[in-house]
PDB file of N, CA and C in Angstrom:
ATOM      1  N   UNK A   1       0.645  -1.180  -0.082  1.00  0.00           N
ATOM      2  CA  UNK A   1       0.026  -0.132   0.054  1.00  0.00           C
ATOM      3  C   UNK A   1       0.920   1.225   0.034  1.00  0.00           C
ATOM      4  N   UNK A   2       0.855   1.615  -1.475  1.00  0.00           N
ATOM      5  CA  UNK A   2       1.928   2.892  -1.445  1.00  0.00           C
ATOM      6  C   UNK A   2       1.728   3.994  -0.512  1.00  0.00           C
ATOM      7  N   UNK A   3       2.637   4.506   0.000  1.00  0.00           N
ATOM      8  CA  UNK A   3       2.247   5.813   0.839  1.00  0.00           C
ATOM      9  C   UNK A   3       1.826   5.711   2.257  1.00  0.00           C
ATOM     10  N   UNK A   4       1.532   4.566   2.680  1.00  0.00           N
ATOM     11  CA  UNK A   4       0.974   4.139   3.848  1.00  0.00           C
ATOM     12  C   UNK A   4       1.733   4.537   5.305  1.00  0.00           C
ATOM     13  N   UNK A   5       2.868   4.379   4.955  1.00  0.00           N
ATOM     14  CA  UNK A   5       3.984   4.782   6.120  1.00  0.00           C
ATOM     15  C   UNK A   5       3.854   6.376   6.345  1.00  0.00           C
ATOM     16  N   UNK A   6       3.373   6.958   5.434  1.00  0.00           N
ATOM     17  CA  UNK A   6       3.290   8.578   5.433  1.00  0.00           C
ATOM     18  C   UNK A   6       2.063   9.125   6.037  1.00  0.00           C
ATOM     19  N   UNK A   7       1.235   8.051   6.243  1.00  0.00           N
ATOM     20  CA  UNK A   7      -0.153   8.434   6.914  1.00  0.00           C
ATOM     21  C   UNK A   7      -0.262   8.631   8.326  1.00  0.00           C
ATOM     22  N   UNK A   8      -0.496   9.428   8.897  1.00  0.00           N
ATOM     23  CA  UNK A   8      -0.472   9.862  10.280  1.00  0.00           C
ATOM     24  C   UNK A   8      -1.783   9.808  11.088  1.00  0.00           C
ATOM     25  N   UNK A   9      -2.246   8.680  11.797  1.00  0.00           N
ATOM     26  CA  UNK A   9      -3.523   8.683  12.329  1.00  0.00           C
ATOM     27  C   UNK A   9      -3.354   9.006  13.955  1.00  0.00           C
ATOM     28  N   UNK A  10      -4.270   9.701  14.290  1.00  0.00           N
ATOM     29  CA  UNK A  10      -4.328  10.241  15.724  1.00  0.00           C
ATOM     30  C   UNK A  10      -5.752  10.113  16.160  1.00  0.00           C
ATOM     31  N   UNK A  11      -5.683   9.370  17.394  1.00  0.00           N
ATOM     32  CA  UNK A  11      -7.146   9.281  18.002  1.00  0.00           C
ATOM     33  C   UNK A  11      -7.269  10.192  19.161  1.00  0.00           C
ATOM     34  N   UNK A  12      -8.295  10.641  19.412  1.00  0.00           N
ATOM     35  CA  UNK A  12      -8.644  11.365  20.906  1.00  0.00           C
ATOM     36  C   UNK A  12      -9.596  10.395  21.710  1.00  0.00           C
ATOM     37  N   UNK A  13      -8.942  10.445  22.912  1.00  0.00           N
ATOM     38  CA  UNK A  13      -9.638   9.640  23.806  1.00  0.00           C
ATOM     39  C   UNK A  13     -11.087  10.439  24.281  1.00  0.00           C
ATOM     40  N   UNK A  14     -11.895   9.749  24.446  1.00  0.00           N
ATOM     41  CA  UNK A  14     -13.087  10.460  24.854  1.00  0.00           C
ATOM     42  C   UNK A  14     -14.364   9.316  25.588  1.00  0.00           C
ATOM     43  N   UNK A  15     -15.229   9.844  25.595  1.00  0.00           N
ATOM     44  CA  UNK A  15     -16.539   8.950  26.067  1.00  0.00           C
ATOM     45  C   UNK A  15     -16.821   7.981  24.963  1.00  0.00           C
ATOM     46  N   UNK A  16     -17.177   6.641  25.522  1.00  0.00           N
ATOM     47  CA  UNK A  16     -17.612   5.296  24.717  1.00  0.00           C
ATOM     48  C   UNK A  16     -19.007   5.953  23.985  1.00  0.00           C
ATOM     49  N   UNK A  17     -19.184   5.393  22.737  1.00  0.00           N
ATOM     50  CA  UNK A  17     -20.631   5.654  22.076  1.00  0.00           C
ATOM     51  C   UNK A  17     -21.377   5.240  22.968  1.00  0.00           C
ATOM     52  N   UNK A  18     -22.924   5.606  23.112  1.00  0.00           N
ATOM     53  CA  UNK A  18     -24.028   4.820  23.772  1.00  0.00           C
ATOM     54  C   UNK A  18     -24.629   3.807  23.007  1.00  0.00           C
ATOM     55  N   UNK A  19     -25.420   2.964  23.387  1.00  0.00           N
ATOM     56  CA  UNK A  19     -25.577   1.610  22.638  1.00  0.00           C
ATOM     57  C   UNK A  19     -26.618   2.334  21.327  1.00  0.00           C
ATOM     58  N   UNK A  20     -27.353   3.268  21.681  1.00  0.00           N
ATOM     59  CA  UNK A  20     -28.330   3.602  20.458  1.00  0.00           C
ATOM     60  C   UNK A  20     -27.684   4.423  19.707  1.00  0.00           C
ATOM     61  N   UNK A  21     -26.406   5.196  20.041  1.00  0.00           N
ATOM     62  CA  UNK A  21     -25.605   5.600  19.011  1.00  0.00           C
ATOM     63  C   UNK A  21     -24.712   4.910  18.266  1.00  0.00           C
ATOM     64  N   UNK A  22     -24.495   3.728  18.685  1.00  0.00           N
ATOM     65  CA  UNK A  22     -23.661   2.581  17.996  1.00  0.00           C
ATOM     66  C   UNK A  22     -24.621   2.190  16.858  1.00  0.00           C
ATOM     67  N   UNK A  23     -25.914   1.841  17.257  1.00  0.00           N
ATOM     68  CA  UNK A  23     -26.908   1.311  16.351  1.00  0.00           C
ATOM     69  C   UNK A  23     -27.228   2.170  15.166  1.00  0.00           C
ATOM     70  N   UNK A  24     -27.250   3.310  15.434  1.00  0.00           N
ATOM     71  CA  UNK A  24     -27.414   4.508  14.334  1.00  0.00           C
ATOM     72  C   UNK A  24     -26.313   4.332  13.358  1.00  0.00           C
ATOM     73  N   UNK A  25     -25.350   3.941  13.882  1.00  0.00           N
ATOM     74  CA  UNK A  25     -23.907   4.024  13.079  1.00  0.00           C
ATOM     75  C   UNK A  25     -23.911   2.647  11.908  1.00  0.00           C
ATOM     76  N   UNK A  26     -24.775   1.778  12.244  1.00  0.00           N
ATOM     77  CA  UNK A  26     -24.699   0.541  11.459  1.00  0.00           C
ATOM     78  C   UNK A  26     -26.109   0.161  10.816  1.00  0.00           C
ATOM     79  N   UNK A  27     -27.155   0.486  11.427  1.00  0.00           N
ATOM     80  CA  UNK A  27     -28.462   0.071  10.927  1.00  0.00           C
ATOM     81  C   UNK A  27     -28.894   1.299   9.683  1.00  0.00           C
ATOM     82  N   UNK A  28     -29.420   0.677   8.618  1.00  0.00           N
ATOM     83  CA  UNK A  28     -30.098   1.620   7.565  1.00  0.00           C
ATOM     84  C   UNK A  28     -31.270   2.091   7.894  1.00  0.00           C
ATOM     85  N   UNK A  29     -31.838   3.067   7.388  1.00  0.00           N
ATOM     86  CA  UNK A  29     -33.271   3.779   7.758  1.00  0.00           C
ATOM     87  C   UNK A  29     -34.228   2.789   7.850  1.00  0.00           C
ATOM     88  N   UNK A  30     -34.213   1.878   6.924  1.00  0.00           N
ATOM     89  CA  UNK A  30     -35.355   0.809   6.906  1.00  0.00           C
ATOM     90  C   UNK A  30     -35.448   0.072   8.067  1.00  0.00           C
ATOM     91  N   UNK A  31     -34.445  -0.184   9.059  1.00  0.00           N
ATOM     92  CA  UNK A  31     -34.478  -0.567  10.144  1.00  0.00           C
ATOM     93  C   UNK A  31     -34.531  -0.016  11.460  1.00  0.00           C
ATOM     94  N   UNK A  32     -35.044   1.411  11.287  1.00  0.00           N
ATOM     95  CA  UNK A  32     -35.457   2.534  12.132  1.00  0.00           C
ATOM     96  C   UNK A  32     -36.237   1.772  13.203  1.00  0.00           C
ATOM     97  N   UNK A  33     -37.068   1.151  12.907  1.00  0.00           N
ATOM     98  CA  UNK A  33     -38.147   0.407  13.928  1.00  0.00           C
ATOM     99  C   UNK A  33     -37.368  -0.298  14.883  1.00  0.00           C
ATOM    100  N   UNK A  34     -36.021  -0.540  14.905  1.00  0.00           N
ATOM    101  CA  UNK A  34     -35.377  -1.109  16.018  1.00  0.00           C
ATOM    102  C   UNK A  34     -34.618  -0.032  17.042  1.00  0.00           C
ATOM    103  N   UNK A  35     -35.134   1.274  16.583  1.00  0.00           N
ATOM    104  CA  UNK A  35     -34.662   1.973  17.807  1.00  0.00           C
ATOM    105  C   UNK A  35     -35.763   3.017  18.474  1.00  0.00           C
ATOM    106  N   UNK A  36     -35.596   3.568  19.261  1.00  0.00           N
ATOM    107  CA  UNK A  36     -36.519   4.564  19.874  1.00  0.00           C
ATOM    108  C   UNK A  36     -36.824   5.564  19.025  1.00  0.00           C
ATOM    109  N   UNK A  37     -38.209   5.829  19.196  1.00  0.00           N
ATOM    110  CA  UNK A  37     -38.840   6.815  18.195  1.00  0.00           C
ATOM    111  C   UNK A  37     -37.879   8.053  17.950  1.00  0.00           C
ATOM    112  N   UNK A  38     -37.394   8.580  18.863  1.00  0.00           N
ATOM    113  CA  UNK A  38     -36.748   9.840  18.642  1.00  0.00           C
ATOM    114  C   UNK A  38     -35.463   9.586  17.934  1.00  0.00           C
ATOM    115  N   UNK A  39     -34.815   8.518  18.019  1.00  0.00           N
ATOM    116  CA  UNK A  39     -33.582   8.025  17.402  1.00  0.00           C
ATOM    117  C   UNK A  39     -33.931   7.650  15.874  1.00  0.00           C
ATOM    118  N   UNK A  40     -35.267   7.077  15.758  1.00  0.00           N
ATOM    119  CA  UNK A  40     -35.523   6.490  14.553  1.00  0.00           C
ATOM    120  C   UNK A  40     -35.784   7.864  13.601  1.00  0.00           C
ATOM    121  N   UNK A  41     -36.433   8.997  14.154  1.00  0.00           N
ATOM    122  CA  UNK A  41     -36.809  10.036  13.290  1.00  0.00           C
ATOM    123  C   UNK A  41     -35.409  10.782  13.032  1.00  0.00           C
ATOM    124  N   UNK A  42     -34.254  10.692  13.613  1.00  0.00           N
ATOM    125  CA  UNK A  42     -33.440  10.960  13.031  1.00  0.00           C
ATOM    126  C   UNK A  42     -32.621  10.683  11.890  1.00  0.00           C
ATOM    127  N   UNK A  43     -32.995   9.201  11.707  1.00  0.00           N
ATOM    128  CA  UNK A  43     -32.404   8.836  10.549  1.00  0.00           C
ATOM    129  C   UNK A  43     -33.321   8.438   9.561  1.00  0.00           C
ATOM    130  N   UNK A  44     -34.674   8.792   9.594  1.00  0.00           N
ATOM    131  CA  UNK A  44     -35.632   8.674   8.743  1.00  0.00           C
ATOM    132  C   UNK A  44     -36.442  10.231   8.089  1.00  0.00           C
ATOM    133  N   UNK A  45     -36.396  11.167   8.836  1.00  0.00           N
ATOM    134  CA  UNK A  45     -37.157  12.486   8.875  1.00  0.00           C
ATOM    135  C   UNK A  45     -36.384  13.249   7.889  1.00  0.00           C
ATOM    136  N   UNK A  46     -36.805  13.722   6.475  1.00  0.00           N
ATOM    137  CA  UNK A  46     -35.952  14.512   5.661  1.00  0.00           C
ATOM    138  C   UNK A  46     -35.497  15.665   6.328  1.00  0.00           C
ATOM    139  N   UNK A  47     -36.067  16.241   7.553  1.00  0.00           N
ATOM    140  CA  UNK A  47     -35.463  17.486   7.817  1.00  0.00           C
ATOM    141  C   UNK A  47     -34.401  17.214   9.024  1.00  0.00           C
ATOM    142  N   UNK A  48     -34.062  15.942   9.282  1.00  0.00           N
ATOM    143  CA  UNK A  48     -33.194  15.739  10.457  1.00  0.00           C
ATOM    144  C   UNK A  48     -31.738  16.463  10.067  1.00  0.00           C
ATOM    145  N   UNK A  49     -31.134  17.082  11.081  1.00  0.00           N
ATOM    146  CA  UNK A  49     -29.859  17.368  11.032  1.00  0.00           C
ATOM    147  C   UNK A  49     -28.672  16.399  10.306  1.00  0.00           C
ATOM    148  N   UNK A  50     -28.826  15.084  10.646  1.00  0.00           N
ATOM    149  CA  UNK A  50     -27.752  14.079  10.407  1.00  0.00           C
ATOM    150  C   UNK A  50     -28.566  13.281   8.887  1.00  0.00           C
ATOM    151  N   UNK A  51     -29.500  13.460   8.422  1.00  0.00           N
ATOM    152  CA  UNK A  51     -30.241  12.732   7.223  1.00  0.00           C
ATOM    153  C   UNK A  51     -29.075  12.846   6.027  1.00  0.00           C
ATOM    154  N   UNK A  52     -28.227  13.424   5.991  1.00  0.00           N
ATOM    155  CA  UNK A  52     -26.946  13.017   4.782  1.00  0.00           C
ATOM    156  C   UNK A  52     -26.383  11.959   4.956  1.00  0.00           C
ATOM    157  N   UNK A  53     -26.310  11.594   6.176  1.00  0.00           N
ATOM    158  CA  UNK A  53     -25.606  10.365   6.427  1.00  0.00           C
ATOM    159  C   UNK A  53     -26.409   8.961   6.024  1.00  0.00           C
ATOM    160  N   UNK A  54     -27.672   9.029   5.723  1.00  0.00           N
ATOM    161  CA  UNK A  54     -28.456   8.088   5.532  1.00  0.00           C
ATOM    162  C   UNK A  54     -28.838   8.207   3.989  1.00  0.00           C
ATOM    163  N   UNK A  55     -27.844   8.150   3.112  1.00  0.00           N
ATOM    164  CA  UNK A  55     -28.457   8.258   1.567  1.00  0.00           C
ATOM    165  C   UNK A  55     -29.392   7.141   1.140  1.00  0.00           C
ATOM    166  N   UNK A  56     -30.240   7.598   0.071  1.00  0.00           N
ATOM    167  CA  UNK A  56     -31.548   6.763  -0.444  1.00  0.00           C
ATOM    168  C   UNK A  56     -30.854   6.481  -1.883  1.00  0.00           C
ATOM    169  N   UNK A  57     -30.090   7.037  -2.535  1.00  0.00           N
ATOM    170  CA  UNK A  57     -29.604   6.697  -3.702  1.00  0.00           C
ATOM    171  C   UNK A  57     -28.119   6.377  -3.735  1.00  0.00           C
ATOM    172  N   UNK A  58     -28.084   4.988  -3.866  1.00  0.00           N
ATOM    173  CA  UNK A  58     -26.662   4.444  -3.693  1.00  0.00           C
ATOM    174  C   UNK A  58     -26.922   3.219  -4.808  1.00  0.00           C
ATOM    175  N   UNK A  59     -25.559   2.601  -5.371  1.00  0.00           N
ATOM    176  CA  UNK A  59     -25.539   1.416  -5.801  1.00  0.00           C
ATOM    177  C   UNK A  59     -24.905   0.229  -4.934  1.00  0.00           C
ATOM    178  N   UNK A  60     -24.983  -0.873  -5.254  1.00  0.00           N
ATOM    179  CA  UNK A  60     -24.273  -2.036  -4.425  1.00  0.00           C
ATOM    180  C   UNK A  60     -23.223  -2.637  -5.279  1.00  0.00           C
ATOM    181  N   UNK A  61     -22.015  -2.340  -5.032  1.00  0.00           N
ATOM    182  CA  UNK A  61     -21.145  -2.789  -6.147  1.00  0.00           C
ATOM    183  C   UNK A  61     -20.802  -4.296  -5.807  1.00  0.00           C
ATOM    184  N   UNK A  62     -21.112  -5.156  -6.755  1.00  0.00           N
ATOM    185  CA  UNK A  62     -21.061  -6.601  -6.539  1.00  0.00           C
ATOM    186  C   UNK A  62     -19.875  -7.079  -7.307  1.00  0.00           C
ATOM    187  N   UNK A  63     -19.105  -6.305  -7.687  1.00  0.00           N
ATOM    188  CA  UNK A  63     -17.761  -6.809  -8.510  1.00  0.00           C
ATOM    189  C   UNK A  63     -17.053  -7.922  -7.875  1.00  0.00           C
ATOM    190  N   UNK A  64     -16.855  -9.164  -8.647  1.00  0.00           N
ATOM    191  CA  UNK A  64     -16.481 -10.518  -7.915  1.00  0.00           C
ATOM    192  C   UNK A  64     -17.261 -11.001  -6.983  1.00  0.00           C
ATOM    193  N   UNK A  65     -18.354 -10.434  -6.763  1.00  0.00           N
ATOM    194  CA  UNK A  65     -19.217 -11.296  -5.618  1.00  0.00           C
ATOM    195  C   UNK A  65     -20.270 -12.151  -6.175  1.00  0.00           C
ATOM    196  N   UNK A  66     -20.938 -13.078  -5.468  1.00  0.00           N
ATOM    197  CA  UNK A  66     -21.852 -13.710  -5.979  1.00  0.00           C
ATOM    198  C   UNK A  66     -23.426 -13.459  -5.504  1.00  0.00           C
ATOM    199  N   UNK A  67     -23.440 -12.486  -4.504  1.00  0.00           N
ATOM    200  CA  UNK A  67     -24.802 -12.514  -3.889  1.00  0.00           C
ATOM    201  C   UNK A  67     -24.560 -10.734  -3.663  1.00  0.00           C
ATOM    202  N   UNK A  68     -25.791  -9.973  -3.632  1.00  0.00           N
ATOM    203  CA  UNK A  68     -25.849  -8.594  -3.457  1.00  0.00           C
ATOM    204  C   UNK A  68     -25.234  -8.428  -1.953  1.00  0.00           C
ATOM    205  N   UNK A  69     -25.566  -9.065  -1.076  1.00  0.00           N
ATOM    206  CA  UNK A  69     -25.410  -8.979   0.372  1.00  0.00           C
ATOM    207  C   UNK A  69     -23.673  -9.171   0.602  1.00  0.00           C
ATOM    208  N   UNK A  70     -23.257  -9.479  -0.253  1.00  0.00           N
ATOM    209  CA  UNK A  70     -21.576  -9.643  -0.123  1.00  0.00           C
ATOM    210  C   UNK A  70     -21.038  -8.214  -0.625  1.00  0.00           C
ATOM    211  N   UNK A  71     -21.755  -7.589  -1.565  1.00  0.00           N
ATOM    212  CA  UNK A  71     -21.238  -6.399  -1.822  1.00  0.00           C
ATOM    213  C   UNK A  71     -21.189  -5.254  -1.255  1.00  0.00           C
ATOM    214  N   UNK A  72     -20.597  -3.967  -1.433  1.00  0.00           N
ATOM    215  CA  UNK A  72     -20.641  -2.817  -0.535  1.00  0.00           C
ATOM    216  C   UNK A  72     -21.507  -1.775  -1.137  1.00  0.00           C
ATOM    217  N   UNK A  73     -21.750  -0.686  -0.359  1.00  0.00           N
ATOM    218  CA  UNK A  73     -22.639   0.293  -1.101  1.00  0.00           C
ATOM    219  C   UNK A  73     -21.773   1.463  -1.387  1.00  0.00           C
ATOM    220  N   UNK A  74     -21.992   1.770  -2.498  1.00  0.00           N
ATOM    221  CA  UNK A  74     -21.364   2.963  -3.256  1.00  0.00           C
ATOM    222  C   UNK A  74     -22.215   4.280  -3.585  1.00  0.00           C
ATOM    223  N   UNK A  75     -22.079   5.250  -2.878  1.00  0.00           N
ATOM    224  CA  UNK A  75     -22.736   6.515  -3.121  1.00  0.00           C
ATOM    225  C   UNK A  75     -22.625   7.027  -4.639  1.00  0.00           C
ATOM    226  N   UNK A  76     -23.800   7.573  -5.125  1.00  0.00           N
ATOM    227  CA  UNK A  76     -23.692   8.069  -6.459  1.00  0.00           C
ATOM    228  C   UNK A  76     -23.165   9.563  -6.546  1.00  0.00           C
TER     229      UNK A  76
END
């Protein structure tokens, strides 16, 4: 991996994520029912301040994969 030795990664210690915050980072909007209503609204409401993190227009890159679930999402 060319140039990797020049990359400087720094982590800042802080508070751990809360369980529902962690779920919001991995669940898609269609799974919002698994969250409390206030959290679900953050990932489904078009007026949410964080709605940009939950795109609806994307494709699944299945290059070299047999099934769609093996691919990864790529934003347009």
